[in-house]
């Protein structure tokens, strides 16, 4: 190995001479390259923060969805409370039981008449004025 040392040194010097202009240019342009690298990194991070999978655009969509779900939850809780009160009234209140029986089952007391509107075609009103008298 000692025999090849001068050849290795000569190869290293030739390589250094070939690379000297490139290294000189790189040394002179290092600030510009660093600035360009920082600008590219900043632009990439901005795009990622705004448009990424957890970016601001997705955050606003998820926030709007969250608010809509909150409103829906409040509405459903109120509806659930009304149904709970209605169930409680039907279990304990005789007036509520009677009202439901009259409305849904068309029950009537003795002597009462129940009128039910037809569910088919709408009723036609005659055009003459005899019906108004």
N, C-alpha and C. Protein backbone atom coordinates (compact mmCIF):
# COMPACT_ATOMS: atom_id res chain seq x y z
N UNK A 1 0.80 -1.19 0.00
CA UNK A 1 0.00 0.00 0.00
C UNK A 1 0.85 1.26 0.00
N UNK A 2 1.93 1.20 0.66
CA UNK A 2 2.80 2.37 0.72
C UNK A 2 3.29 2.71 -0.68
N UNK A 3 3.41 1.69 -1.52
CA UNK A 3 3.88 1.91 -2.88
C UNK A 3 2.87 2.72 -3.70
N UNK A 4 1.62 2.57 -3.41
CA UNK A 4 0.57 3.26 -4.18
C UNK A 4 0.20 4.63 -3.61
N UNK A 5 0.74 5.02 -2.52
CA UNK A 5 0.41 6.29 -1.87
C UNK A 5 0.67 7.48 -2.80
N UNK A 6 1.78 7.57 -3.51
CA UNK A 6 1.99 8.72 -4.39
C UNK A 6 0.94 8.78 -5.51
N UNK A 7 0.52 7.62 -6.01
CA UNK A 7 -0.49 7.60 -7.06
C UNK A 7 -1.84 8.09 -6.52
N UNK A 8 -2.19 7.70 -5.30
CA UNK A 8 -3.44 8.12 -4.68
C UNK A 8 -3.43 9.63 -4.44
N UNK A 9 -2.26 10.16 -4.01
CA UNK A 9 -2.17 11.61 -3.78
C UNK A 9 -2.31 12.36 -5.10
N UNK A 10 -1.70 11.84 -6.15
CA UNK A 10 -1.81 12.47 -7.45
C UNK A 10 -3.24 12.46 -7.96
N UNK A 11 -3.95 11.35 -7.77
CA UNK A 11 -5.36 11.25 -8.17
C UNK A 11 -6.21 12.23 -7.38
N UNK A 12 -5.95 12.37 -6.10
CA UNK A 12 -6.70 13.31 -5.26
C UNK A 12 -6.47 14.74 -5.72
N UNK A 13 -5.23 15.08 -6.09
CA UNK A 13 -4.95 16.44 -6.55
C UNK A 13 -5.63 16.73 -7.88
N UNK A 14 -5.65 15.76 -8.80
CA UNK A 14 -6.31 15.94 -10.09
C UNK A 14 -7.82 16.13 -9.89
N UNK A 15 -8.39 15.32 -9.01
CA UNK A 15 -9.82 15.43 -8.73
C UNK A 15 -10.14 16.78 -8.10
N UNK A 16 -9.28 17.24 -7.20
CA UNK A 16 -9.49 18.53 -6.55
C UNK A 16 -9.41 19.66 -7.57
N UNK A 17 -8.47 19.56 -8.53
CA UNK A 17 -8.35 20.58 -9.58
C UNK A 17 -9.58 20.60 -10.46
N UNK A 18 -10.14 19.43 -10.77
CA UNK A 18 -11.35 19.37 -11.60
C UNK A 18 -12.57 19.93 -10.87
N UNK A 19 -12.64 19.68 -9.56
CA UNK A 19 -13.80 20.12 -8.77
C UNK A 19 -13.67 21.54 -8.25
N UNK A 20 -12.47 22.13 -8.35
CA UNK A 20 -12.25 23.47 -7.79
C UNK A 20 -13.22 24.52 -8.36
N UNK A 21 -13.50 24.60 -9.66
CA UNK A 21 -14.46 25.62 -10.15
C UNK A 21 -15.87 25.40 -9.62
N UNK A 22 -16.28 24.14 -9.57
CA UNK A 22 -17.64 23.86 -9.06
C UNK A 22 -17.75 24.20 -7.58
N UNK A 23 -16.71 23.84 -6.83
CA UNK A 23 -16.71 24.15 -5.39
C UNK A 23 -16.64 25.65 -5.16
N UNK A 24 -15.88 26.32 -5.99
CA UNK A 24 -15.78 27.77 -5.87
C UNK A 24 -17.15 28.43 -6.14
N UNK A 25 -17.82 27.96 -7.21
CA UNK A 25 -19.16 28.50 -7.52
C UNK A 25 -20.13 28.19 -6.39
N UNK A 26 -20.08 26.95 -5.88
CA UNK A 26 -20.98 26.55 -4.79
C UNK A 26 -20.73 27.40 -3.56
N UNK A 27 -19.45 27.65 -3.24
CA UNK A 27 -19.12 28.47 -2.07
C UNK A 27 -19.65 29.89 -2.24
N UNK A 28 -19.56 30.44 -3.45
CA UNK A 28 -20.04 31.79 -3.71
C UNK A 28 -21.57 31.88 -3.72
N UNK A 29 -22.24 30.80 -4.09
CA UNK A 29 -23.69 30.83 -4.22
C UNK A 29 -24.41 30.17 -3.04
N UNK A 30 -23.69 29.87 -1.98
CA UNK A 30 -24.31 29.14 -0.87
C UNK A 30 -25.45 29.92 -0.22
N UNK A 31 -25.34 31.22 -0.12
CA UNK A 31 -26.42 32.01 0.49
C UNK A 31 -27.66 32.00 -0.40
N UNK A 32 -27.46 32.15 -1.70
CA UNK A 32 -28.61 32.12 -2.61
C UNK A 32 -29.28 30.75 -2.61
N UNK A 33 -28.50 29.70 -2.57
CA UNK A 33 -29.06 28.34 -2.53
C UNK A 33 -29.82 28.11 -1.22
N UNK A 34 -29.26 28.58 -0.12
CA UNK A 34 -29.93 28.43 1.17
C UNK A 34 -31.24 29.21 1.19
N UNK A 35 -31.23 30.42 0.64
CA UNK A 35 -32.45 31.23 0.59
C UNK A 35 -33.50 30.57 -0.29
N UNK A 36 -33.08 30.04 -1.44
CA UNK A 36 -34.03 29.35 -2.31
C UNK A 36 -34.59 28.10 -1.63
N UNK A 37 -33.74 27.38 -0.92
CA UNK A 37 -34.21 26.19 -0.20
C UNK A 37 -35.22 26.53 0.87
N UNK A 38 -34.96 27.60 1.61
CA UNK A 38 -35.90 28.03 2.65
C UNK A 38 -37.22 28.48 2.03
N UNK A 39 -37.15 29.20 0.89
CA UNK A 39 -38.38 29.64 0.22
C UNK A 39 -39.20 28.45 -0.27
N UNK A 40 -38.53 27.47 -0.84
CA UNK A 40 -39.25 26.27 -1.32
C UNK A 40 -39.87 25.52 -0.15
N UNK A 41 -39.12 25.37 0.94
CA UNK A 41 -39.66 24.70 2.13
C UNK A 41 -40.86 25.46 2.70
N UNK A 42 -40.77 26.79 2.74
CA UNK A 42 -41.88 27.61 3.25
C UNK A 42 -43.11 27.48 2.36
N UNK A 43 -42.92 27.51 1.05
CA UNK A 43 -44.06 27.36 0.13
C UNK A 43 -44.70 25.99 0.28
N UNK A 44 -43.90 24.96 0.40
CA UNK A 44 -44.45 23.61 0.57
C UNK A 44 -45.24 23.50 1.87
N UNK A 45 -44.69 24.05 2.95
CA UNK A 45 -45.40 24.00 4.23
C UNK A 45 -46.70 24.79 4.18
N UNK A 46 -46.71 25.94 3.50
CA UNK A 46 -47.93 26.73 3.38
C UNK A 46 -49.01 25.94 2.64
N UNK A 47 -48.63 25.33 1.52
CA UNK A 47 -49.60 24.53 0.76
C UNK A 47 -50.10 23.37 1.60
N UNK A 48 -49.20 22.73 2.32
CA UNK A 48 -49.60 21.59 3.16
C UNK A 48 -50.53 22.03 4.30
N UNK A 49 -50.24 23.15 4.91
CA UNK A 49 -51.07 23.62 6.03
C UNK A 49 -52.44 24.06 5.55
N UNK A 50 -52.52 24.68 4.40
CA UNK A 50 -53.81 25.18 3.92
C UNK A 50 -54.62 24.08 3.24
N UNK A 51 -53.99 23.30 2.37
CA UNK A 51 -54.74 22.35 1.54
C UNK A 51 -54.49 20.89 1.90
N UNK A 52 -53.69 20.60 2.90
CA UNK A 52 -53.36 19.23 3.26
C UNK A 52 -54.56 18.48 3.84
N UNK A 53 -54.34 17.21 4.17
CA UNK A 53 -55.43 16.38 4.66
C UNK A 53 -55.98 16.89 5.99
N UNK A 54 -55.19 17.58 6.77
CA UNK A 54 -55.67 18.20 8.01
C UNK A 54 -55.47 19.71 7.97
N UNK A 55 -55.58 20.29 6.79
CA UNK A 55 -55.34 21.71 6.61
C UNK A 55 -56.53 22.56 6.99
N UNK A 56 -56.39 23.84 6.71
CA UNK A 56 -57.43 24.80 7.07
C UNK A 56 -58.73 24.56 6.30
N UNK A 57 -58.62 24.16 5.05
CA UNK A 57 -59.83 23.91 4.26
C UNK A 57 -60.63 22.78 4.89
N UNK A 58 -59.95 21.69 5.21
CA UNK A 58 -60.64 20.56 5.85
C UNK A 58 -61.14 20.95 7.23
N UNK A 59 -60.38 21.76 7.95
CA UNK A 59 -60.80 22.19 9.28
C UNK A 59 -62.12 22.96 9.20
N UNK A 60 -62.23 23.85 8.23
CA UNK A 60 -63.47 24.63 8.11
C UNK A 60 -64.64 23.74 7.72
N UNK A 61 -64.41 22.77 6.85
CA UNK A 61 -65.49 21.85 6.47
C UNK A 61 -65.93 21.03 7.68
N UNK A 62 -64.97 20.51 8.42
CA UNK A 62 -65.29 19.70 9.60
C UNK A 62 -65.97 20.56 10.67
N UNK A 63 -65.56 21.80 10.81
CA UNK A 63 -66.18 22.68 11.80
C UNK A 63 -67.64 22.97 11.42
N UNK A 64 -67.90 23.21 10.14
CA UNK A 64 -69.27 23.44 9.70
C UNK A 64 -70.11 22.17 9.91
N UNK A 65 -69.54 21.03 9.62
CA UNK A 65 -70.25 19.76 9.84
C UNK A 65 -70.53 19.56 11.33
N UNK A 66 -69.56 19.92 12.16
CA UNK A 66 -69.73 19.80 13.61
C UNK A 66 -70.87 20.69 14.10
N UNK A 67 -70.92 21.92 13.62
CA UNK A 67 -71.99 22.82 14.04
C UNK A 67 -73.35 22.30 13.58
N UNK A 68 -73.43 21.77 12.36
CA UNK A 68 -74.69 21.22 11.88
C UNK A 68 -75.11 20.03 12.74
N UNK A 69 -74.16 19.19 13.12
CA UNK A 69 -74.48 18.05 13.97
C UNK A 69 -74.91 18.48 15.37
N UNK A 70 -74.30 19.55 15.87
CA UNK A 70 -74.69 20.07 17.18
C UNK A 70 -76.15 20.57 17.14
N UNK A 71 -76.51 21.30 16.07
CA UNK A 71 -77.89 21.77 15.94
C UNK A 71 -78.85 20.60 15.83
N UNK A 72 -78.46 19.60 15.06
CA UNK A 72 -79.29 18.41 14.91
C UNK A 72 -79.45 17.68 16.24
N UNK A 73 -78.36 17.63 17.01
CA UNK A 73 -78.41 16.98 18.32
C UNK A 73 -79.37 17.71 19.25
N UNK A 74 -79.32 19.04 19.27
CA UNK A 74 -80.22 19.82 20.12
C UNK A 74 -81.67 19.59 19.70
N UNK A 75 -81.92 19.59 18.38
CA UNK A 75 -83.27 19.36 17.88
C UNK A 75 -83.77 17.97 18.28
N UNK A 76 -82.91 16.96 18.15
CA UNK A 76 -83.31 15.60 18.49
C UNK A 76 -83.51 15.44 20.00
N UNK A 77 -82.73 16.15 20.80
CA UNK A 77 -82.94 16.09 22.25
C UNK A 77 -84.28 16.71 22.64
N UNK A 78 -84.63 17.83 22.00
CA UNK A 78 -85.94 18.45 22.27
C UNK A 78 -87.06 17.51 21.85
N UNK A 79 -86.91 16.90 20.68
CA UNK A 79 -87.93 15.97 20.19
C UNK A 79 -88.04 14.77 21.12
N UNK A 80 -86.93 14.28 21.59
CA UNK A 80 -86.93 13.16 22.53
C UNK A 80 -87.62 13.54 23.84
N UNK A 81 -87.36 14.76 24.30
CA UNK A 81 -88.00 15.24 25.53
C UNK A 81 -89.52 15.33 25.35
N UNK A 82 -89.96 15.82 24.19
CA UNK A 82 -91.41 15.90 23.93
C UNK A 82 -92.04 14.52 23.91
N UNK A 83 -91.36 13.57 23.27
CA UNK A 83 -91.88 12.21 23.23
C UNK A 83 -91.90 11.58 24.62
N UNK A 84 -90.91 11.87 25.42
CA UNK A 84 -90.88 11.35 26.80
C UNK A 84 -92.05 11.91 27.60
N UNK A 85 -92.30 13.21 27.44
CA UNK A 85 -93.44 13.82 28.14
C UNK A 85 -94.76 13.25 27.64
N UNK A 86 -94.86 13.01 26.35
CA UNK A 86 -96.09 12.44 25.80
C UNK A 86 -96.30 11.02 26.33
N UNK A 87 -95.25 10.23 26.42
CA UNK A 87 -95.35 8.86 26.96
C UNK A 87 -95.77 8.91 28.42
N UNK A 88 -95.15 9.82 29.17
CA UNK A 88 -95.50 9.95 30.59
C UNK A 88 -96.96 10.35 30.74
N UNK A 89 -97.42 11.28 29.90
CA UNK A 89 -98.82 11.72 29.98
C UNK A 89 -99.76 10.58 29.61
N UNK A 90 -99.41 9.78 28.62
CA UNK A 90 -100.27 8.67 28.22
C UNK A 90 -100.31 7.58 29.29
N UNK A 91 -99.31 7.49 30.11
CA UNK A 91 -99.31 6.49 31.18
C UNK A 91 -100.10 6.96 32.41
N UNK A 92 -100.17 8.28 32.61
CA UNK A 92 -100.74 8.76 33.87
C UNK A 92 -101.97 9.66 33.70
N UNK A 93 -102.07 10.40 32.62
CA UNK A 93 -103.11 11.42 32.47
C UNK A 93 -104.30 10.86 31.68
N UNK A 94 -105.47 10.75 32.32
CA UNK A 94 -106.64 10.23 31.60
C UNK A 94 -107.07 11.14 30.44
N UNK A 95 -106.90 12.44 30.57
CA UNK A 95 -107.29 13.35 29.49
C UNK A 95 -106.42 13.12 28.26
N UNK A 96 -105.15 12.87 28.45
CA UNK A 96 -104.26 12.61 27.32
C UNK A 96 -104.62 11.29 26.65
N UNK A 97 -104.96 10.30 27.44
CA UNK A 97 -105.36 9.00 26.88
C UNK A 97 -106.63 9.17 26.05
N UNK A 98 -107.58 9.91 26.58
CA UNK A 98 -108.85 10.13 25.86
C UNK A 98 -108.60 10.90 24.56
N UNK A 99 -107.77 11.93 24.61
CA UNK A 99 -107.48 12.72 23.43
C UNK A 99 -106.86 11.85 22.32
N UNK A 100 -105.90 11.00 22.68
CA UNK A 100 -105.27 10.13 21.69
C UNK A 100 -106.27 9.11 21.14
N UNK A 101 -107.12 8.58 21.99
CA UNK A 101 -108.12 7.62 21.53
C UNK A 101 -109.10 8.28 20.57
N UNK A 102 -109.49 9.50 20.84
CA UNK A 102 -110.42 10.21 19.96
C UNK A 102 -109.76 10.57 18.62
N UNK A 103 -108.49 11.05 18.67
CA UNK A 103 -107.83 11.49 17.44
C UNK A 103 -107.38 10.33 16.57
N UNK A 104 -106.73 9.35 17.13
CA UNK A 104 -106.13 8.30 16.31
C UNK A 104 -107.08 7.12 16.07
N UNK A 105 -107.86 6.76 17.06
CA UNK A 105 -108.74 5.58 16.91
C UNK A 105 -110.17 5.96 16.57
N UNK A 106 -110.47 7.24 16.53
CA UNK A 106 -111.81 7.76 16.20
C UNK A 106 -112.87 7.23 17.17
N UNK A 107 -112.50 7.12 18.44
CA UNK A 107 -113.46 6.72 19.45
C UNK A 107 -114.37 7.91 19.76
N UNK A 108 -115.56 7.59 20.22
CA UNK A 108 -116.52 8.64 20.59
C UNK A 108 -117.29 8.18 21.81
N UNK A 109 -117.78 9.15 22.52
CA UNK A 109 -118.64 8.83 23.66
C UNK A 109 -120.03 8.49 23.15
N UNK A 110 -120.80 7.83 23.95
CA UNK A 110 -122.18 7.51 23.51
C UNK A 110 -122.93 8.81 23.19
N UNK A 111 -123.60 8.82 22.05
CA UNK A 111 -124.37 9.98 21.63
C UNK A 111 -123.59 10.95 20.76
N UNK A 112 -122.27 10.83 20.65
CA UNK A 112 -121.46 11.71 19.82
C UNK A 112 -121.34 11.14 18.41
N UNK A 113 -121.18 12.03 17.45
CA UNK A 113 -120.98 11.59 16.08
C UNK A 113 -119.57 12.01 15.64
N UNK A 114 -118.87 11.12 14.96
CA UNK A 114 -117.52 11.39 14.50
C UNK A 114 -117.56 11.66 13.01
N UNK A 115 -117.04 12.81 12.62
CA UNK A 115 -116.95 13.16 11.21
C UNK A 115 -115.50 12.97 10.77
N UNK A 116 -115.30 12.20 9.72
CA UNK A 116 -113.96 11.95 9.20
C UNK A 116 -113.91 12.45 7.78
N UNK A 117 -112.92 13.28 7.48
CA UNK A 117 -112.77 13.81 6.13
C UNK A 117 -112.28 12.69 5.21
N UNK A 118 -112.80 12.66 3.99
CA UNK A 118 -112.33 11.62 3.07
C UNK A 118 -110.86 11.86 2.72
N UNK A 119 -110.15 10.77 2.52
CA UNK A 119 -108.72 10.90 2.23
C UNK A 119 -108.43 10.83 0.74
N UNK A 120 -109.43 10.64 -0.09
CA UNK A 120 -109.22 10.50 -1.52
C UNK A 120 -109.12 11.85 -2.20
N UNK A 121 -109.86 12.00 -3.29
CA UNK A 121 -109.84 13.22 -4.09
C UNK A 121 -110.41 14.39 -3.29
N UNK A 122 -109.98 15.61 -3.60
CA UNK A 122 -110.52 16.78 -2.90
C UNK A 122 -112.01 16.97 -3.22
N UNK A 123 -112.71 17.52 -2.24
CA UNK A 123 -114.14 17.76 -2.38
C UNK A 123 -114.36 18.91 -3.36
N UNK A 124 -115.28 18.72 -4.29
CA UNK A 124 -115.56 19.76 -5.27
C UNK A 124 -116.72 20.62 -4.77
N UNK A 125 -116.52 21.90 -4.81
CA UNK A 125 -117.55 22.84 -4.38
C UNK A 125 -118.36 23.24 -5.62
N UNK A 126 -119.70 23.18 -5.53
CA UNK A 126 -120.50 23.58 -6.69
C UNK A 126 -120.32 25.07 -6.98
N UNK A 127 -120.44 25.39 -8.24
CA UNK A 127 -120.18 26.77 -8.66
C UNK A 127 -121.39 27.67 -8.48
N UNK A 128 -122.57 27.10 -8.31
CA UNK A 128 -123.72 27.97 -8.13
C UNK A 128 -123.80 28.47 -6.70
N UNK A 129 -124.60 29.49 -6.48
CA UNK A 129 -124.68 30.11 -5.17
C UNK A 129 -125.70 29.44 -4.26
N UNK A 130 -126.30 28.36 -4.73
CA UNK A 130 -127.29 27.67 -3.91
C UNK A 130 -126.65 26.99 -2.72
N UNK A 131 -125.39 26.56 -2.88
CA UNK A 131 -124.72 25.88 -1.79
C UNK A 131 -124.34 26.84 -0.68
N UNK A 132 -124.23 28.12 -0.95
CA UNK A 132 -123.84 29.08 0.05
C UNK A 132 -124.99 29.50 0.95
N UNK A 133 -126.22 29.24 0.56
CA UNK A 133 -127.37 29.68 1.35
C UNK A 133 -127.60 28.87 2.55
